Amino acid sequence: MISSQKPIVIGVTGGSASGKTSVSRAIFDQFSGHSLLLLEQDAYYKHSDLPFEERKKN
């Protein structure tokens, strides 16, 4: 059965060390049992030790 409910997106922003991860995890934990995705910023950035100019070539 396909759900007809629209997804809800919650964005959490703030300065460094302002508690974004703590707040995000608290929200995530409150909705356990539901279909959720917690996408952390570090999860979608390509990490590399190469200088920026070298990374642009890829």
PDB file of N, CA and C in Angstrom:
ATOM      1  N   MET A   1       0.843  -1.185   0.000  1.00  0.00           N
ATOM      2  CA  MET A   1       0.000   0.000   0.000  1.00  0.00           C
ATOM      3  C   MET A   1       0.886   1.246   0.000  1.00  0.00           C
ATOM      4  N   ILE A   2       0.615   2.179  -0.867  1.00  0.00           N
ATOM      5  CA  ILE A   2       1.384   3.411  -0.962  1.00  0.00           C
ATOM      6  C   ILE A   2       0.713   4.483  -0.123  1.00  0.00           C
ATOM      7  N   SER A   3       1.503   5.142   0.706  1.00  0.00           N
ATOM      8  CA  SER A   3       0.984   6.200   1.566  1.00  0.00           C
ATOM      9  C   SER A   3       0.669   7.439   0.744  1.00  0.00           C
ATOM     10  N   SER A   4      -0.443   8.076   1.041  1.00  0.00           N
ATOM     11  CA  SER A   4      -0.807   9.307   0.339  1.00  0.00           C
ATOM     12  C   SER A   4      -0.379  10.531   1.127  1.00  0.00           C
ATOM     13  N   GLN A   5       0.292  10.319   2.256  1.00  0.00           N
ATOM     14  CA  GLN A   5       0.747  11.446   3.061  1.00  0.00           C
ATOM     15  C   GLN A   5       1.951  12.110   2.401  1.00  0.00           C
ATOM     16  N   LYS A   6       1.971  13.423   2.471  1.00  0.00           N
ATOM     17  CA  LYS A   6       3.107  14.171   1.957  1.00  0.00           C
ATOM     18  C   LYS A   6       4.227  14.138   2.987  1.00  0.00           C
ATOM     19  N   PRO A   7       5.471  14.114   2.512  1.00  0.00           N
ATOM     20  CA  PRO A   7       6.586  14.112   3.465  1.00  0.00           C
ATOM     21  C   PRO A   7       6.693  15.444   4.193  1.00  0.00           C
ATOM     22  N   ILE A   8       7.238  15.383   5.373  1.00  0.00           N
ATOM     23  CA  ILE A   8       7.511  16.586   6.158  1.00  0.00           C
ATOM     24  C   ILE A   8       9.023  16.728   6.237  1.00  0.00           C
ATOM     25  N   VAL A   9       9.522  17.909   5.941  1.00  0.00           N
ATOM     26  CA  VAL A   9      10.953  18.183   6.006  1.00  0.00           C
ATOM     27  C   VAL A   9      11.193  19.178   7.137  1.00  0.00           C
ATOM     28  N   ILE A  10      12.086  18.827   8.035  1.00  0.00           N
ATOM     29  CA  ILE A  10      12.453  19.723   9.129  1.00  0.00           C
ATOM     30  C   ILE A  10      13.925  20.068   8.955  1.00  0.00           C
ATOM     31  N   GLY A  11      14.221  21.318   8.774  1.00  0.00           N
ATOM     32  CA  GLY A  11      15.605  21.775   8.637  1.00  0.00           C
ATOM     33  C   GLY A  11      16.050  22.418   9.931  1.00  0.00           C
ATOM     34  N   VAL A  12      17.244  22.066  10.368  1.00  0.00           N
ATOM     35  CA  VAL A  12      17.795  22.629  11.600  1.00  0.00           C
ATOM     36  C   VAL A  12      19.098  23.343  11.238  1.00  0.00           C
ATOM     37  N   THR A  13      19.155  24.630  11.524  1.00  0.00           N
ATOM     38  CA  THR A  13      20.352  25.410  11.218  1.00  0.00           C
ATOM     39  C   THR A  13      20.823  26.130  12.475  1.00  0.00           C
ATOM     40  N   GLY A  14      22.030  26.606  12.424  1.00  0.00           N
ATOM     41  CA  GLY A  14      22.563  27.361  13.550  1.00  0.00           C
ATOM     42  C   GLY A  14      24.071  27.432  13.467  1.00  0.00           C
ATOM     43  N   GLY A  15      24.641  28.209  14.319  1.00  0.00           N
ATOM     44  CA  GLY A  15      26.084  28.383  14.349  1.00  0.00           C
ATOM     45  C   GLY A  15      26.795  27.151  14.885  1.00  0.00           C
ATOM     46  N   SER A  16      28.095  27.175  14.777  1.00  0.00           N
ATOM     47  CA  SER A  16      28.910  26.073  15.286  1.00  0.00           C
ATOM     48  C   SER A  16      28.668  25.881  16.779  1.00  0.00           C
ATOM     49  N   ALA A  17      28.539  24.631  17.175  1.00  0.00           N
ATOM     50  CA  ALA A  17      28.368  24.252  18.587  1.00  0.00           C
ATOM     51  C   ALA A  17      27.118  24.856  19.219  1.00  0.00           C
ATOM     52  N   SER A  18      26.075  25.079  18.406  1.00  0.00           N
ATOM     53  CA  SER A  18      24.848  25.679  18.940  1.00  0.00           C
ATOM     54  C   SER A  18      23.815  24.636  19.351  1.00  0.00           C
ATOM     55  N   GLY A  19      24.103  23.343  19.112  1.00  0.00           N
ATOM     56  CA  GLY A  19      23.189  22.294  19.537  1.00  0.00           C
ATOM     57  C   GLY A  19      22.349  21.702  18.429  1.00  0.00           C
ATOM     58  N   LYS A  20      22.728  21.920  17.181  1.00  0.00           N
ATOM     59  CA  LYS A  20      21.951  21.408  16.040  1.00  0.00           C
ATOM     60  C   LYS A  20      21.815  19.887  16.082  1.00  0.00           C
ATOM     61  N   THR A  21      22.913  19.202  16.338  1.00  0.00           N
ATOM     62  CA  THR A  21      22.884  17.740  16.371  1.00  0.00           C
ATOM     63  C   THR A  21      22.019  17.255  17.515  1.00  0.00           C
ATOM     64  N   SER A  22      22.144  17.864  18.673  1.00  0.00           N
ATOM     65  CA  SER A  22      21.343  17.460  19.836  1.00  0.00           C
ATOM     66  C   SER A  22      19.854  17.645  19.580  1.00  0.00           C
ATOM     67  N   VAL A  23      19.494  18.779  19.012  1.00  0.00           N
ATOM     68  CA  VAL A  23      18.086  19.051  18.706  1.00  0.00           C
ATOM     69  C   VAL A  23      17.584  18.084  17.637  1.00  0.00           C
ATOM     70  N   SER A  24      18.392  17.869  16.607  1.00  0.00           N
ATOM     71  CA  SER A  24      17.987  16.968  15.525  1.00  0.00           C
ATOM     72  C   SER A  24      17.766  15.553  16.040  1.00  0.00           C
ATOM     73  N   ARG A  25      18.661  15.083  16.876  1.00  0.00           N
ATOM     74  CA  ARG A  25      18.518  13.729  17.423  1.00  0.00           C
ATOM     75  C   ARG A  25      17.310  13.630  18.358  1.00  0.00           C
ATOM     76  N   ALA A  26      17.033  14.680  19.101  1.00  0.00           N
ATOM     77  CA  ALA A  26      15.856  14.685  19.980  1.00  0.00           C
ATOM     78  C   ALA A  26      14.569  14.612  19.157  1.00  0.00           C
ATOM     79  N   ILE A  27      14.511  15.366  18.065  1.00  0.00           N
ATOM     80  CA  ILE A  27      13.350  15.308  17.175  1.00  0.00           C
ATOM     81  C   ILE A  27      13.231  13.910  16.584  1.00  0.00           C
ATOM     82  N   PHE A  28      14.343  13.380  16.091  1.00  0.00           N
ATOM     83  CA  PHE A  28      14.386  12.041  15.503  1.00  0.00           C
ATOM     84  C   PHE A  28      13.868  11.003  16.505  1.00  0.00           C
ATOM     85  N   ASP A  29      14.329  11.080  17.734  1.00  0.00           N
ATOM     86  CA  ASP A  29      13.929  10.114  18.767  1.00  0.00           C
ATOM     87  C   ASP A  29      12.440  10.204  19.110  1.00  0.00           C
ATOM     88  N   GLN A  30      11.867  11.391  19.015  1.00  0.00           N
ATOM     89  CA  GLN A  30      10.443  11.568  19.325  1.00  0.00           C
ATOM     90  C   GLN A  30       9.536  10.898  18.302  1.00  0.00           C
ATOM     91  N   PHE A  31      10.052  10.648  17.124  1.00  0.00           N
ATOM     92  CA  PHE A  31       9.243  10.054  16.067  1.00  0.00           C
ATOM     93  C   PHE A  31       9.659   8.624  15.755  1.00  0.00           C
ATOM     94  N   SER A  32      10.221   7.937  16.743  1.00  0.00           N
ATOM     95  CA  SER A  32      10.610   6.541  16.512  1.00  0.00           C
ATOM     96  C   SER A  32       9.368   5.740  16.137  1.00  0.00           C
ATOM     97  N   GLY A  33       9.559   4.779  15.268  1.00  0.00           N
ATOM     98  CA  GLY A  33       8.429   3.996  14.790  1.00  0.00           C
ATOM     99  C   GLY A  33       7.874   4.514  13.466  1.00  0.00           C
ATOM    100  N   HIS A  34       8.288   5.702  13.067  1.00  0.00           N
ATOM    101  CA  HIS A  34       7.890   6.280  11.783  1.00  0.00           C
ATOM    102  C   HIS A  34       9.045   6.139  10.800  1.00  0.00           C
ATOM    103  N   SER A  35       8.746   6.289   9.547  1.00  0.00           N
ATOM    104  CA  SER A  35       9.777   6.239   8.526  1.00  0.00           C
ATOM    105  C   SER A  35      10.499   7.586   8.502  1.00  0.00           C
ATOM    106  N   LEU A  36      11.760   7.585   8.928  1.00  0.00           N
ATOM    107  CA  LEU A  36      12.513   8.826   9.064  1.00  0.00           C
ATOM    108  C   LEU A  36      13.887   8.727   8.429  1.00  0.00           C
ATOM    109  N   LEU A  37      14.440   9.883   8.103  1.00  0.00           N
ATOM    110  CA  LEU A  37      15.808   9.974   7.626  1.00  0.00           C
ATOM    111  C   LEU A  37      16.441  11.180   8.296  1.00  0.00           C
ATOM    112  N   LEU A  38      17.570  10.960   8.922  1.00  0.00           N
ATOM    113  CA  LEU A  38      18.345  12.055   9.500  1.00  0.00           C
ATOM    114  C   LEU A  38      19.580  12.215   8.638  1.00  0.00           C
ATOM    115  N   LEU A  39      19.625  13.285   7.862  1.00  0.00           N
ATOM    116  CA  LEU A  39      20.729  13.526   6.939  1.00  0.00           C
ATOM    117  C   LEU A  39      21.613  14.618   7.517  1.00  0.00           C
ATOM    118  N   GLU A  40      22.774  14.211   7.985  1.00  0.00           N
ATOM    119  CA  GLU A  40      23.709  15.166   8.557  1.00  0.00           C
ATOM    120  C   GLU A  40      24.547  15.782   7.447  1.00  0.00           C
ATOM    121  N   GLN A  41      24.917  17.022   7.597  1.00  0.00           N
ATOM    122  CA  GLN A  41      25.658  17.740   6.562  1.00  0.00           C
ATOM    123  C   GLN A  41      26.909  16.978   6.157  1.00  0.00           C
ATOM    124  N   ASP A  42      27.614  16.408   7.092  1.00  0.00           N
ATOM    125  CA  ASP A  42      28.840  15.677   6.773  1.00  0.00           C
ATOM    126  C   ASP A  42      28.569  14.420   5.958  1.00  0.00           C
ATOM    127  N   ALA A  43      27.341  13.963   5.918  1.00  0.00           N
ATOM    128  CA  ALA A  43      27.015  12.723   5.226  1.00  0.00           C
ATOM    129  C   ALA A  43      26.994  12.894   3.708  1.00  0.00           C
ATOM    130  N   TYR A  44      26.856  14.107   3.218  1.00  0.00           N
ATOM    131  CA  TYR A  44      26.769  14.254   1.766  1.00  0.00           C
ATOM    132  C   TYR A  44      27.881  15.109   1.166  1.00  0.00           C
ATOM    133  N   TYR A  45      28.819  15.547   1.973  1.00  0.00           N
ATOM    134  CA  TYR A  45      29.979  16.249   1.435  1.00  0.00           C
ATOM    135  C   TYR A  45      31.077  15.247   1.126  1.00  0.00           C
ATOM    136  N   LYS A  46      31.704  15.399  -0.010  1.00  0.00           N
ATOM    137  CA  LYS A  46      32.821  14.542  -0.369  1.00  0.00           C
ATOM    138  C   LYS A  46      34.047  15.012   0.407  1.00  0.00           C
ATOM    139  N   HIS A  47      34.594  14.127   1.214  1.00  0.00           N
ATOM    140  CA  HIS A  47      35.771  14.458   2.009  1.00  0.00           C
ATOM    141  C   HIS A  47      37.029  14.122   1.213  1.00  0.00           C
ATOM    142  N   SER A  48      37.990  14.995   1.263  1.00  0.00           N
ATOM    143  CA  SER A  48      39.212  14.756   0.522  1.00  0.00           C
ATOM    144  C   SER A  48      40.342  15.579   1.127  1.00  0.00           C
ATOM    145  N   ASP A  49      41.534  15.031   1.030  1.00  0.00           N
ATOM    146  CA  ASP A  49      42.720  15.758   1.464  1.00  0.00           C
ATOM    147  C   ASP A  49      43.346  16.543   0.322  1.00  0.00           C
ATOM    148  N   LEU A  50      42.752  16.432  -0.868  1.00  0.00           N
ATOM    149  CA  LEU A  50      43.285  17.138  -2.029  1.00  0.00           C
ATOM    150  C   LEU A  50      42.958  18.629  -1.959  1.00  0.00           C
ATOM    151  N   PRO A  51      43.831  19.471  -2.483  1.00  0.00           N
ATOM    152  CA  PRO A  51      43.516  20.901  -2.565  1.00  0.00           C
ATOM    153  C   PRO A  51      42.283  21.122  -3.456  1.00  0.00           C
ATOM    154  N   PHE A  52      41.620  22.237  -3.262  1.00  0.00           N
ATOM    155  CA  PHE A  52      40.379  22.534  -3.980  1.00  0.00           C
ATOM    156  C   PHE A  52      40.552  22.451  -5.495  1.00  0.00           C
ATOM    157  N   GLU A  53      41.619  23.006  -6.011  1.00  0.00           N
ATOM    158  CA  GLU A  53      41.854  22.990  -7.464  1.00  0.00           C
ATOM    159  C   GLU A  53      41.933  21.562  -7.995  1.00  0.00           C
ATOM    160  N   GLU A  54      42.541  20.667  -7.245  1.00  0.00           N
ATOM    161  CA  GLU A  54      42.635  19.269  -7.655  1.00  0.00           C
ATOM    162  C   GLU A  54      41.263  18.576  -7.590  1.00  0.00           C
ATOM    163  N   ARG A  55      40.465  18.912  -6.562  1.00  0.00           N
ATOM    164  CA  ARG A  55      39.133  18.313  -6.435  1.00  0.00           C
ATOM    165  C   ARG A  55      38.218  18.736  -7.569  1.00  0.00           C
ATOM    166  N   LYS A  56      38.377  19.965  -8.083  1.00  0.00           N
ATOM    167  CA  LYS A  56      37.523  20.428  -9.182  1.00  0.00           C
ATOM    168  C   LYS A  56      37.721  19.614 -10.445  1.00  0.00           C
ATOM    169  N   LYS A  57      38.877  19.001 -10.601  1.00  0.00           N
ATOM    170  CA  LYS A  57      39.172  18.217 -11.800  1.00  0.00           C
ATOM    171  C   LYS A  57      38.355  16.931 -11.854  1.00  0.00           C
ATOM    172  N   ASN A  58      37.903  16.427 -10.721  1.00  0.00           N
ATOM    173  CA  ASN A  58      37.157  15.149 -10.673  1.00  0.00           C
ATOM    174  C   ASN A  58      35.714  15.318 -11.007  1.00  0.00           C
TER     175      ASN A  58
END
